[in-house]
């Protein structure tokens, strides 16, 4: 069996340790390996939120792809933006409270980029959802920050967790808010014919 055929039979590599992204890969039934890259996620000066997540997703994919030639690599990056101002992951409870104060009682955008890469072949896109958060009292904000849930989440909240209580509505994909734009990802896989090699799904 040739090396190219052997590589095509290997599962893709998910360049992430995120349980939410693993959830979607498992839900889709796609076999995969996981490899979390060590990437500097610092925004560039005056960087647009959509450009930032696309750059970071492709950076993560390139790091993993560089040491796994011939393998498909899937990477993603998510950020929350209020009036084009990026809200990353809070550094402590006080920072989480600050972010929650900025997003409560109004709308904000969640941008998730996905990069699918194999060597020099690169497919990337950004999907955006608009999230509307109910007005929150200072006591509610303090309480939620103290639960610890916001600490590793962009924008200091988890839509699939306790913070679901605070969401008035979402315009766009809930999966995008979770950090994996599954609808657009599925369309890309069908377009590239990868559902055949990964799942045995006929065209």
N, C-alpha and C. Protein backbone atom coordinates (compact mmCIF):
# COMPACT_ATOMS: atom_id res chain seq x y z
N UNK A 1 0.85 -1.19 0.00
CA UNK A 1 0.00 0.00 0.00
C UNK A 1 0.89 1.24 0.00
N UNK A 2 0.59 2.22 -0.89
CA UNK A 2 1.44 3.40 -0.99
C UNK A 2 1.29 4.27 0.24
N UNK A 3 2.32 5.14 0.45
CA UNK A 3 2.29 6.03 1.62
C UNK A 3 1.11 6.98 1.56
N UNK A 4 0.77 7.51 0.35
CA UNK A 4 -0.34 8.45 0.22
C UNK A 4 -1.66 7.80 0.61
N UNK A 5 -1.87 6.55 0.17
CA UNK A 5 -3.12 5.86 0.52
C UNK A 5 -3.17 5.60 2.01
N UNK A 6 -2.04 5.21 2.59
CA UNK A 6 -2.00 4.96 4.03
C UNK A 6 -2.34 6.21 4.82
N UNK A 7 -1.79 7.35 4.42
CA UNK A 7 -2.08 8.61 5.11
C UNK A 7 -3.54 8.99 4.99
N UNK A 8 -4.14 8.74 3.83
CA UNK A 8 -5.55 9.07 3.63
C UNK A 8 -6.46 8.23 4.52
N UNK A 9 -5.99 7.06 4.93
CA UNK A 9 -6.79 6.20 5.79
C UNK A 9 -6.70 6.60 7.26
N UNK A 10 -5.71 7.42 7.59
CA UNK A 10 -5.55 7.86 8.98
C UNK A 10 -6.60 8.92 9.31
N UNK A 11 -7.08 8.95 10.55
CA UNK A 11 -8.08 9.94 10.92
C UNK A 11 -7.49 11.34 10.96
N UNK A 12 -8.32 12.37 10.86
CA UNK A 12 -7.82 13.74 10.96
C UNK A 12 -7.33 14.03 12.38
N UNK A 13 -6.55 15.08 12.51
CA UNK A 13 -6.06 15.51 13.81
C UNK A 13 -6.81 16.78 14.21
N UNK A 14 -7.43 16.76 15.36
CA UNK A 14 -8.09 17.95 15.90
C UNK A 14 -7.06 18.72 16.71
N UNK A 15 -6.71 19.91 16.24
CA UNK A 15 -5.68 20.71 16.89
C UNK A 15 -6.31 21.52 18.03
N UNK A 16 -6.78 20.81 19.03
CA UNK A 16 -7.48 21.47 20.13
C UNK A 16 -7.65 20.50 21.30
N UNK A 17 -7.64 21.06 22.50
CA UNK A 17 -7.97 20.28 23.69
C UNK A 17 -9.36 20.64 24.20
N UNK A 18 -10.08 21.47 23.46
CA UNK A 18 -11.40 21.95 23.89
C UNK A 18 -12.41 20.81 23.97
N UNK A 19 -13.05 20.61 25.12
CA UNK A 19 -14.08 19.57 25.20
C UNK A 19 -15.29 19.87 24.32
N UNK A 20 -15.52 21.15 24.03
CA UNK A 20 -16.65 21.52 23.19
C UNK A 20 -16.39 21.11 21.73
N UNK A 21 -15.17 21.29 21.28
CA UNK A 21 -14.84 20.87 19.91
C UNK A 21 -14.80 19.36 19.80
N UNK A 22 -14.31 18.71 20.84
CA UNK A 22 -14.34 17.25 20.84
C UNK A 22 -15.78 16.73 20.82
N UNK A 23 -16.65 17.44 21.52
CA UNK A 23 -18.07 17.07 21.54
C UNK A 23 -18.63 17.00 20.13
N UNK A 24 -18.33 18.03 19.32
CA UNK A 24 -18.90 18.06 17.98
C UNK A 24 -18.27 17.00 17.07
N UNK A 25 -16.97 16.76 17.22
CA UNK A 25 -16.36 15.69 16.43
C UNK A 25 -16.98 14.34 16.78
N UNK A 26 -17.21 14.12 18.07
CA UNK A 26 -17.84 12.87 18.51
C UNK A 26 -19.28 12.79 18.01
N UNK A 27 -20.00 13.91 18.08
CA UNK A 27 -21.40 13.93 17.64
C UNK A 27 -21.52 13.64 16.15
N UNK A 28 -20.54 14.09 15.37
CA UNK A 28 -20.55 13.84 13.93
C UNK A 28 -20.08 12.43 13.59
N UNK A 29 -19.53 11.74 14.58
CA UNK A 29 -19.06 10.37 14.35
C UNK A 29 -17.75 10.30 13.60
N UNK A 30 -16.99 11.40 13.61
CA UNK A 30 -15.72 11.43 12.88
C UNK A 30 -14.61 10.92 13.80
N UNK A 31 -13.92 9.86 13.41
CA UNK A 31 -12.78 9.41 14.21
C UNK A 31 -11.67 10.45 14.10
N UNK A 32 -10.95 10.68 15.18
CA UNK A 32 -9.91 11.72 15.14
C UNK A 32 -8.89 11.48 16.23
N UNK A 33 -7.74 12.12 16.05
CA UNK A 33 -6.74 12.21 17.10
C UNK A 33 -6.71 13.66 17.57
N UNK A 34 -6.29 13.87 18.80
CA UNK A 34 -6.26 15.22 19.36
C UNK A 34 -4.83 15.62 19.67
N UNK A 35 -4.49 16.85 19.29
CA UNK A 35 -3.15 17.38 19.51
C UNK A 35 -3.29 18.87 19.74
N UNK A 36 -3.13 19.32 20.96
CA UNK A 36 -3.28 20.74 21.29
C UNK A 36 -1.95 21.47 21.06
N UNK A 37 -1.90 22.40 20.10
CA UNK A 37 -0.65 23.11 19.81
C UNK A 37 -0.38 24.21 20.84
N UNK A 38 0.88 24.52 21.00
CA UNK A 38 1.29 25.63 21.86
C UNK A 38 1.40 26.87 20.98
N UNK A 39 0.34 27.67 20.94
CA UNK A 39 0.28 28.83 20.05
C UNK A 39 0.12 30.11 20.84
N UNK A 40 0.80 31.14 20.42
CA UNK A 40 0.66 32.47 21.03
C UNK A 40 -0.62 33.11 20.48
N UNK A 41 -1.63 33.27 21.34
CA UNK A 41 -2.93 33.78 20.90
C UNK A 41 -3.08 35.27 21.17
N UNK A 42 -1.99 35.98 21.36
CA UNK A 42 -2.04 37.42 21.59
C UNK A 42 -2.53 38.14 20.34
N UNK A 43 -3.55 38.99 20.46
CA UNK A 43 -4.02 39.75 19.29
C UNK A 43 -2.94 40.71 18.80
N UNK A 44 -2.92 40.96 17.50
CA UNK A 44 -2.03 41.96 16.94
C UNK A 44 -2.62 43.35 17.15
N UNK A 45 -1.82 44.39 17.16
CA UNK A 45 -2.34 45.75 17.37
C UNK A 45 -3.41 46.10 16.33
N UNK A 46 -4.56 46.57 16.83
CA UNK A 46 -5.67 47.00 15.98
C UNK A 46 -6.19 45.90 15.05
N UNK A 47 -6.02 44.65 15.46
CA UNK A 47 -6.45 43.54 14.62
C UNK A 47 -7.96 43.36 14.68
N UNK A 48 -8.58 43.23 13.53
CA UNK A 48 -10.02 42.98 13.44
C UNK A 48 -10.33 41.61 14.05
N UNK A 49 -11.43 41.48 14.82
CA UNK A 49 -11.74 40.20 15.47
C UNK A 49 -11.85 39.03 14.50
N UNK A 50 -12.48 39.25 13.35
CA UNK A 50 -12.62 38.16 12.38
C UNK A 50 -11.28 37.76 11.80
N UNK A 51 -10.44 38.75 11.49
CA UNK A 51 -9.10 38.46 10.98
C UNK A 51 -8.27 37.73 12.03
N UNK A 52 -8.45 38.10 13.29
CA UNK A 52 -7.68 37.49 14.36
C UNK A 52 -8.00 36.00 14.50
N UNK A 53 -9.30 35.65 14.55
CA UNK A 53 -9.64 34.24 14.74
C UNK A 53 -9.22 33.39 13.55
N UNK A 54 -9.28 33.96 12.35
CA UNK A 54 -8.85 33.22 11.17
C UNK A 54 -7.34 33.00 11.22
N UNK A 55 -6.59 34.03 11.60
CA UNK A 55 -5.14 33.90 11.70
C UNK A 55 -4.75 32.85 12.74
N UNK A 56 -5.42 32.88 13.90
CA UNK A 56 -5.07 31.95 14.97
C UNK A 56 -5.46 30.51 14.63
N UNK A 57 -6.62 30.32 14.00
CA UNK A 57 -7.02 28.97 13.62
C UNK A 57 -6.01 28.38 12.63
N UNK A 58 -5.59 29.18 11.66
CA UNK A 58 -4.62 28.69 10.67
C UNK A 58 -3.25 28.49 11.30
N UNK A 59 -2.89 29.34 12.28
CA UNK A 59 -1.62 29.16 12.97
C UNK A 59 -1.59 27.84 13.72
N UNK A 60 -2.67 27.52 14.41
CA UNK A 60 -2.75 26.26 15.15
C UNK A 60 -2.65 25.07 14.19
N UNK A 61 -3.37 25.18 13.08
CA UNK A 61 -3.33 24.09 12.10
C UNK A 61 -1.93 23.90 11.54
N UNK A 62 -1.24 25.00 11.25
CA UNK A 62 0.11 24.92 10.68
C UNK A 62 1.10 24.29 11.66
N UNK A 63 0.96 24.62 12.93
CA UNK A 63 1.87 24.05 13.94
C UNK A 63 1.75 22.53 13.97
N UNK A 64 0.52 22.03 13.96
CA UNK A 64 0.29 20.58 14.02
C UNK A 64 0.62 19.93 12.68
N UNK A 65 0.26 20.60 11.58
CA UNK A 65 0.51 20.04 10.26
C UNK A 65 2.00 19.90 9.97
N UNK A 66 2.80 20.82 10.50
CA UNK A 66 4.23 20.82 10.22
C UNK A 66 4.91 19.53 10.69
N UNK A 67 4.37 18.93 11.74
CA UNK A 67 4.97 17.69 12.27
C UNK A 67 4.13 16.46 11.94
N UNK A 68 3.10 16.67 11.11
CA UNK A 68 2.26 15.55 10.66
C UNK A 68 2.00 15.68 9.16
N UNK A 69 3.05 15.63 8.34
CA UNK A 69 2.87 15.79 6.89
C UNK A 69 1.93 14.75 6.31
N UNK A 70 1.10 15.23 5.39
CA UNK A 70 0.16 14.35 4.71
C UNK A 70 -1.13 14.10 5.46
N UNK A 71 -1.21 14.59 6.70
CA UNK A 71 -2.42 14.38 7.52
C UNK A 71 -3.34 15.59 7.45
N UNK A 72 -4.64 15.35 7.49
CA UNK A 72 -5.61 16.44 7.61
C UNK A 72 -5.60 16.94 9.06
N UNK A 73 -5.61 18.25 9.22
CA UNK A 73 -5.64 18.88 10.54
C UNK A 73 -6.83 19.84 10.59
N UNK A 74 -7.56 19.79 11.69
CA UNK A 74 -8.72 20.67 11.91
C UNK A 74 -8.40 21.56 13.10
N UNK A 75 -8.48 22.88 12.91
CA UNK A 75 -8.22 23.81 14.00
C UNK A 75 -9.29 24.90 13.99
N UNK A 76 -9.55 25.45 15.17
CA UNK A 76 -10.56 26.50 15.27
C UNK A 76 -10.14 27.52 16.32
N UNK A 77 -10.73 28.69 16.23
CA UNK A 77 -10.50 29.73 17.24
C UNK A 77 -11.75 30.58 17.35
N UNK A 78 -12.06 30.98 18.57
CA UNK A 78 -13.29 31.73 18.84
C UNK A 78 -12.99 32.97 19.67
N UNK A 79 -13.69 34.05 19.35
CA UNK A 79 -13.60 35.23 20.20
C UNK A 79 -14.96 35.90 20.29
N UNK A 80 -15.12 36.67 21.33
CA UNK A 80 -16.31 37.49 21.54
C UNK A 80 -15.91 38.94 21.27
N UNK A 81 -16.78 39.67 20.59
CA UNK A 81 -16.48 41.06 20.27
C UNK A 81 -17.67 41.95 20.60
N UNK A 82 -17.40 43.05 21.27
CA UNK A 82 -18.39 44.07 21.56
C UNK A 82 -17.95 45.34 20.85
N UNK A 83 -18.75 45.77 19.88
CA UNK A 83 -18.38 46.95 19.09
C UNK A 83 -16.97 46.82 18.53
N UNK A 84 -16.67 45.63 18.00
CA UNK A 84 -15.37 45.31 17.39
C UNK A 84 -14.22 45.27 18.41
N UNK A 85 -14.55 45.31 19.70
CA UNK A 85 -13.52 45.20 20.74
C UNK A 85 -13.49 43.74 21.22
N UNK A 86 -12.32 43.12 21.10
CA UNK A 86 -12.18 41.70 21.43
C UNK A 86 -12.21 41.47 22.93
N UNK A 87 -13.02 40.48 23.34
CA UNK A 87 -13.03 40.04 24.73
C UNK A 87 -12.48 38.61 24.76
N UNK A 88 -11.28 38.44 25.25
CA UNK A 88 -10.68 37.12 25.32
C UNK A 88 -11.11 36.37 26.57
N UNK A 89 -10.25 35.51 27.06
CA UNK A 89 -10.54 34.75 28.28
C UNK A 89 -10.13 35.59 29.49
N UNK A 90 -10.97 35.66 30.50
CA UNK A 90 -10.64 36.49 31.67
C UNK A 90 -9.43 35.95 32.43
N UNK A 91 -8.67 36.87 33.00
CA UNK A 91 -7.48 36.46 33.76
C UNK A 91 -7.83 36.12 35.21
N UNK A 92 -8.94 36.66 35.71
CA UNK A 92 -9.37 36.38 37.08
C UNK A 92 -10.86 36.74 37.21
N UNK A 93 -11.40 36.57 38.40
CA UNK A 93 -12.84 36.83 38.61
C UNK A 93 -13.18 38.29 38.34
N UNK A 94 -12.32 39.19 38.75
CA UNK A 94 -12.58 40.62 38.53
C UNK A 94 -12.65 40.94 37.04
N UNK A 95 -11.77 40.33 36.28
CA UNK A 95 -11.79 40.53 34.83
C UNK A 95 -13.05 39.92 34.23
N UNK A 96 -13.47 38.77 34.73
CA UNK A 96 -14.71 38.14 34.26
C UNK A 96 -15.90 39.05 34.54
N UNK A 97 -15.93 39.65 35.73
CA UNK A 97 -17.01 40.57 36.07
C UNK A 97 -17.02 41.77 35.13
N UNK A 98 -15.84 42.26 34.79
CA UNK A 98 -15.75 43.40 33.88
C UNK A 98 -16.34 43.05 32.51
N UNK A 99 -15.97 41.88 31.99
CA UNK A 99 -16.48 41.46 30.69
C UNK A 99 -17.99 41.25 30.71
N UNK A 100 -18.47 40.60 31.75
CA UNK A 100 -19.90 40.37 31.86
C UNK A 100 -20.67 41.68 31.94
N UNK A 101 -20.07 42.67 32.59
CA UNK A 101 -20.69 43.99 32.64
C UNK A 101 -20.80 44.62 31.26
N UNK A 102 -19.84 44.33 30.39
CA UNK A 102 -19.85 44.89 29.05
C UNK A 102 -20.89 44.24 28.14
N UNK A 103 -21.15 42.95 28.33
CA UNK A 103 -22.05 42.24 27.41
C UNK A 103 -23.49 42.14 27.92
N UNK A 104 -23.72 42.39 29.21
CA UNK A 104 -25.07 42.23 29.74
C UNK A 104 -26.00 43.33 29.21
N UNK A 105 -27.26 42.95 28.98
CA UNK A 105 -28.28 43.90 28.57
C UNK A 105 -28.15 44.38 27.14
N UNK A 106 -27.38 43.67 26.31
CA UNK A 106 -27.18 44.10 24.93
C UNK A 106 -26.74 42.92 24.06
N UNK A 107 -26.43 43.21 22.83
CA UNK A 107 -25.96 42.18 21.90
C UNK A 107 -24.45 42.25 21.74
N UNK A 108 -23.88 41.11 21.34
CA UNK A 108 -22.47 41.07 20.97
C UNK A 108 -22.28 40.00 19.91
N UNK A 109 -21.12 39.95 19.31
CA UNK A 109 -20.84 38.99 18.26
C UNK A 109 -19.87 37.93 18.74
N UNK A 110 -20.09 36.71 18.28
CA UNK A 110 -19.15 35.61 18.51
C UNK A 110 -18.63 35.17 17.15
N UNK A 111 -17.32 35.27 16.97
CA UNK A 111 -16.68 34.88 15.71
C UNK A 111 -15.91 33.58 15.94
N UNK A 112 -16.19 32.58 15.13
CA UNK A 112 -15.41 31.34 15.19
C UNK A 112 -14.85 31.05 13.80
N UNK A 113 -13.54 30.88 13.75
CA UNK A 113 -12.87 30.50 12.50
C UNK A 113 -12.53 29.03 12.55
N UNK A 114 -12.59 28.39 11.41
CA UNK A 114 -12.16 27.00 11.30
C UNK A 114 -11.19 26.88 10.13
N UNK A 115 -10.13 26.14 10.35
CA UNK A 115 -9.13 25.90 9.31
C UNK A 115 -8.95 24.40 9.13
N UNK A 116 -9.12 23.94 7.92
CA UNK A 116 -8.90 22.54 7.56
C UNK A 116 -7.68 22.51 6.64
N UNK A 117 -6.65 21.81 7.04
CA UNK A 117 -5.37 21.88 6.34
C UNK A 117 -4.74 20.51 6.15
N UNK A 118 -4.14 20.34 4.99
CA UNK A 118 -3.28 19.17 4.75
C UNK A 118 -2.10 19.67 3.92
N UNK A 119 -0.94 19.76 4.56
CA UNK A 119 0.25 20.30 3.91
C UNK A 119 -0.04 21.71 3.37
N UNK A 120 0.05 21.89 2.05
CA UNK A 120 -0.17 23.21 1.46
C UNK A 120 -1.63 23.47 1.09
N UNK A 121 -2.48 22.47 1.27
CA UNK A 121 -3.90 22.65 0.97
C UNK A 121 -4.60 23.20 2.20
N UNK A 122 -5.18 24.39 2.06
CA UNK A 122 -5.77 25.08 3.21
C UNK A 122 -7.18 25.55 2.85
N UNK A 123 -8.13 25.23 3.72
CA UNK A 123 -9.50 25.72 3.59
C UNK A 123 -9.87 26.39 4.92
N UNK A 124 -10.26 27.65 4.88
CA UNK A 124 -10.59 28.34 6.13
C UNK A 124 -11.79 29.26 5.91
N UNK A 125 -12.52 29.49 7.00
CA UNK A 125 -13.66 30.40 6.95
C UNK A 125 -13.95 30.91 8.36
N UNK A 126 -14.73 31.97 8.43
CA UNK A 126 -15.16 32.52 9.71
C UNK A 126 -16.68 32.56 9.72
N UNK A 127 -17.29 32.07 10.79
CA UNK A 127 -18.73 32.14 10.95
C UNK A 127 -19.03 33.02 12.16
N UNK A 128 -20.08 33.84 12.04
CA UNK A 128 -20.41 34.80 13.10
C UNK A 128 -21.85 34.62 13.56
N UNK A 129 -22.03 34.63 14.87
CA UNK A 129 -23.37 34.60 15.47
C UNK A 129 -23.53 35.82 16.36
N UNK A 130 -24.74 36.31 16.46
CA UNK A 130 -25.04 37.45 17.32
C UNK A 130 -25.80 36.96 18.55
N UNK A 131 -25.30 37.30 19.71
CA UNK A 131 -25.88 36.82 20.97
C UNK A 131 -26.44 38.00 21.75
N UNK A 132 -27.65 37.84 22.26
CA UNK A 132 -28.30 38.88 23.05
C UNK A 132 -28.39 38.41 24.49
N UNK A 133 -27.77 39.15 25.40
CA UNK A 133 -27.74 38.79 26.82
C UNK A 133 -28.75 39.65 27.59
N UNK A 134 -29.52 39.01 28.46
CA UNK A 134 -30.48 39.74 29.29
C UNK A 134 -29.76 40.69 30.25
N UNK A 135 -30.44 41.72 30.72
CA UNK A 135 -29.83 42.58 31.75
C UNK A 135 -29.53 41.77 33.01
N UNK A 136 -28.35 41.98 33.58
CA UNK A 136 -27.93 41.28 34.79
C UNK A 136 -27.64 42.28 35.89
N UNK A 137 -27.99 41.91 37.11
CA UNK A 137 -27.67 42.77 38.26
C UNK A 137 -26.21 42.56 38.64
N UNK A 138 -25.62 43.52 39.35
CA UNK A 138 -24.24 43.34 39.83
C UNK A 138 -24.09 42.07 40.67
N UNK A 139 -25.11 41.73 41.44
CA UNK A 139 -25.06 40.54 42.28
C UNK A 139 -25.04 39.27 41.42
N UNK A 140 -25.82 39.26 40.34
CA UNK A 140 -25.83 38.11 39.44
C UNK A 140 -24.48 37.94 38.74
N UNK A 141 -23.89 39.04 38.34
CA UNK A 141 -22.58 39.01 37.69
C UNK A 141 -21.52 38.48 38.65
N UNK A 142 -21.52 38.98 39.87
CA UNK A 142 -20.56 38.53 40.87
C UNK A 142 -20.72 37.05 41.15
N UNK A 143 -21.98 36.62 41.28
CA UNK A 143 -22.24 35.21 41.55
C UNK A 143 -21.75 34.33 40.41
N UNK A 144 -22.08 34.70 39.17
CA UNK A 144 -21.69 33.86 38.04
C UNK A 144 -20.16 33.79 37.91
N UNK A 145 -19.50 34.90 38.09
CA UNK A 145 -18.03 34.89 38.02
C UNK A 145 -17.44 33.97 39.08
N UNK A 146 -18.09 33.89 40.23
CA UNK A 146 -17.58 33.06 41.33
C UNK A 146 -17.75 31.57 41.08
N UNK A 147 -18.60 31.19 40.09
CA UNK A 147 -18.81 29.76 39.81
C UNK A 147 -17.59 29.13 39.12
N UNK A 148 -16.73 29.95 38.56
CA UNK A 148 -15.56 29.45 37.85
C UNK A 148 -15.82 29.12 36.39
N UNK A 149 -17.08 29.04 35.99
CA UNK A 149 -17.40 28.69 34.60
C UNK A 149 -16.81 29.67 33.57
N UNK A 150 -16.76 30.98 33.88
CA UNK A 150 -16.28 31.92 32.86
C UNK A 150 -14.78 31.87 32.60
N UNK A 151 -14.01 31.20 33.45
CA UNK A 151 -12.58 31.43 33.48
C UNK A 151 -11.80 30.99 32.24
N UNK A 152 -12.26 29.99 31.52
CA UNK A 152 -11.53 29.58 30.32
C UNK A 152 -12.36 29.80 29.06
N UNK A 153 -13.29 30.78 29.13
CA UNK A 153 -14.20 31.03 28.03
C UNK A 153 -14.01 32.44 27.49
N UNK A 154 -13.96 32.57 26.17
CA UNK A 154 -13.92 33.89 25.56
C UNK A 154 -15.19 34.66 25.93
N UNK A 155 -15.03 35.91 26.35
CA UNK A 155 -16.18 36.71 26.74
C UNK A 155 -16.69 36.40 28.13
N UNK A 156 -16.05 35.46 28.82
CA UNK A 156 -16.36 35.13 30.22
C UNK A 156 -17.73 34.48 30.41
N UNK A 157 -18.17 33.68 29.43
CA UNK A 157 -19.42 32.93 29.66
C UNK A 157 -19.44 31.69 28.77
N UNK A 158 -20.24 30.70 29.20
CA UNK A 158 -20.41 29.46 28.45
C UNK A 158 -21.88 29.31 28.08
N UNK A 159 -22.17 29.46 26.79
CA UNK A 159 -23.56 29.39 26.33
C UNK A 159 -24.17 28.02 26.59
N UNK A 160 -23.32 26.99 26.65
CA UNK A 160 -23.81 25.63 26.86
C UNK A 160 -23.85 25.26 28.34
N UNK A 161 -23.57 26.25 29.21
CA UNK A 161 -23.54 26.01 30.65
C UNK A 161 -24.55 26.86 31.39
N UNK A 162 -24.15 27.31 32.57
CA UNK A 162 -25.03 28.13 33.41
C UNK A 162 -25.49 29.39 32.68
N UNK A 163 -24.60 29.95 31.86
CA UNK A 163 -24.91 31.21 31.18
C UNK A 163 -26.07 31.10 30.21
N UNK A 164 -26.49 29.87 29.90
CA UNK A 164 -27.68 29.72 29.05
C UNK A 164 -28.89 30.42 29.68
N UNK A 165 -28.87 30.57 31.00
CA UNK A 165 -29.95 31.27 31.70
C UNK A 165 -30.00 32.75 31.36
N UNK A 166 -28.87 33.28 30.91
CA UNK A 166 -28.76 34.72 30.66
C UNK A 166 -29.00 35.09 29.20
N UNK A 167 -29.06 34.10 28.32
CA UNK A 167 -29.15 34.38 26.89
C UNK A 167 -30.61 34.60 26.49
N UNK A 168 -30.87 35.76 25.94
CA UNK A 168 -32.23 36.08 25.47
C UNK A 168 -32.51 35.39 24.14
N UNK A 169 -31.54 35.48 23.22
CA UNK A 169 -31.67 34.79 21.93
C UNK A 169 -30.32 34.81 21.22
N UNK A 170 -30.23 33.94 20.21
CA UNK A 170 -29.04 33.87 19.38
C UNK A 170 -29.48 33.95 17.92
N UNK A 171 -28.86 34.84 17.17
CA UNK A 171 -29.09 34.92 15.74
C UNK A 171 -27.86 34.34 15.05
N UNK A 172 -28.04 33.15 14.50
CA UNK A 172 -26.92 32.44 13.92
C UNK A 172 -26.80 31.06 14.54
N UNK A 173 -25.63 30.45 14.41
CA UNK A 173 -25.42 29.08 14.85
C UNK A 173 -25.03 29.00 16.32
N UNK A 174 -25.75 28.18 17.07
CA UNK A 174 -25.38 27.93 18.46
C UNK A 174 -24.04 27.21 18.52
N UNK A 175 -23.78 26.34 17.54
CA UNK A 175 -22.50 25.62 17.50
C UNK A 175 -21.34 26.59 17.33
N UNK A 176 -21.54 27.65 16.57
CA UNK A 176 -20.51 28.67 16.42
C UNK A 176 -20.21 29.34 17.75
N UNK A 177 -21.25 29.61 18.52
CA UNK A 177 -21.06 30.20 19.84
C UNK A 177 -20.29 29.24 20.75
N UNK A 178 -20.51 27.95 20.58
CA UNK A 178 -19.78 26.94 21.35
C UNK A 178 -18.33 26.78 20.90
N UNK A 179 -18.01 27.30 19.70
CA UNK A 179 -16.63 27.25 19.25
C UNK A 179 -16.34 26.29 18.13
N UNK A 180 -17.40 25.76 17.48
CA UNK A 180 -17.17 24.84 16.35
C UNK A 180 -18.34 25.01 15.37
N UNK A 181 -18.13 25.75 14.27
CA UNK A 181 -19.23 26.04 13.32
C UNK A 181 -19.60 24.80 12.51
N UNK A 182 -20.34 23.91 13.13
CA UNK A 182 -20.54 22.57 12.59
C UNK A 182 -21.30 22.58 11.25
N UNK A 183 -22.22 23.53 11.07
CA UNK A 183 -22.98 23.53 9.82
C UNK A 183 -22.07 23.83 8.62
N UNK A 184 -21.25 24.87 8.74
CA UNK A 184 -20.33 25.22 7.65
C UNK A 184 -19.23 24.18 7.50
N UNK A 185 -18.81 23.59 8.61
CA UNK A 185 -17.80 22.53 8.56
C UNK A 185 -18.33 21.33 7.80
N UNK A 186 -19.59 20.94 8.10
CA UNK A 186 -20.20 19.82 7.40
C UNK A 186 -20.30 20.06 5.90
N UNK A 187 -20.67 21.29 5.52
CA UNK A 187 -20.77 21.63 4.10
C UNK A 187 -19.41 21.51 3.42
N UNK A 188 -18.35 21.92 4.12
CA UNK A 188 -17.00 21.84 3.57
C UNK A 188 -16.57 20.38 3.38
N UNK A 189 -16.86 19.55 4.35
CA UNK A 189 -16.51 18.13 4.24
C UNK A 189 -17.21 17.46 3.06
N UNK A 190 -18.48 17.79 2.88
CA UNK A 190 -19.23 17.22 1.75
C UNK A 190 -18.66 17.71 0.42
N UNK A 191 -18.29 18.99 0.39
CA UNK A 191 -17.73 19.56 -0.84
C UNK A 191 -16.41 18.89 -1.21
N UNK A 192 -15.60 18.58 -0.21
CA UNK A 192 -14.29 17.98 -0.45
C UNK A 192 -14.33 16.46 -0.56
N UNK A 193 -15.49 15.87 -0.28
CA UNK A 193 -15.62 14.42 -0.35
C UNK A 193 -14.98 13.69 0.82
N UNK A 194 -14.71 14.41 1.91
CA UNK A 194 -14.02 13.79 3.04
C UNK A 194 -14.93 12.90 3.88
N UNK A 195 -16.23 13.08 3.75
CA UNK A 195 -17.14 12.21 4.49
C UNK A 195 -17.02 10.77 4.01
N UNK A 196 -16.56 10.60 2.78
CA UNK A 196 -16.37 9.23 2.26
C UNK A 196 -15.21 8.53 2.95
N UNK A 197 -14.06 9.22 3.03
CA UNK A 197 -12.88 8.59 3.62
C UNK A 197 -12.96 8.52 5.14
N UNK A 198 -13.62 9.48 5.76
CA UNK A 198 -13.66 9.52 7.22
C UNK A 198 -14.80 8.71 7.80
N UNK A 199 -15.93 8.67 7.09
CA UNK A 199 -17.12 8.00 7.63
C UNK A 199 -17.68 6.90 6.73
N UNK A 200 -17.16 6.80 5.52
CA UNK A 200 -17.71 5.83 4.60
C UNK A 200 -19.06 6.25 4.06
N UNK A 201 -19.35 7.56 4.13
CA UNK A 201 -20.64 8.09 3.68
C UNK A 201 -20.63 8.23 2.16
N UNK A 202 -21.60 7.67 1.46
CA UNK A 202 -21.61 7.78 0.00
C UNK A 202 -21.93 9.20 -0.46
N UNK A 203 -21.49 9.53 -1.66
CA UNK A 203 -21.83 10.84 -2.23
C UNK A 203 -23.32 10.92 -2.54
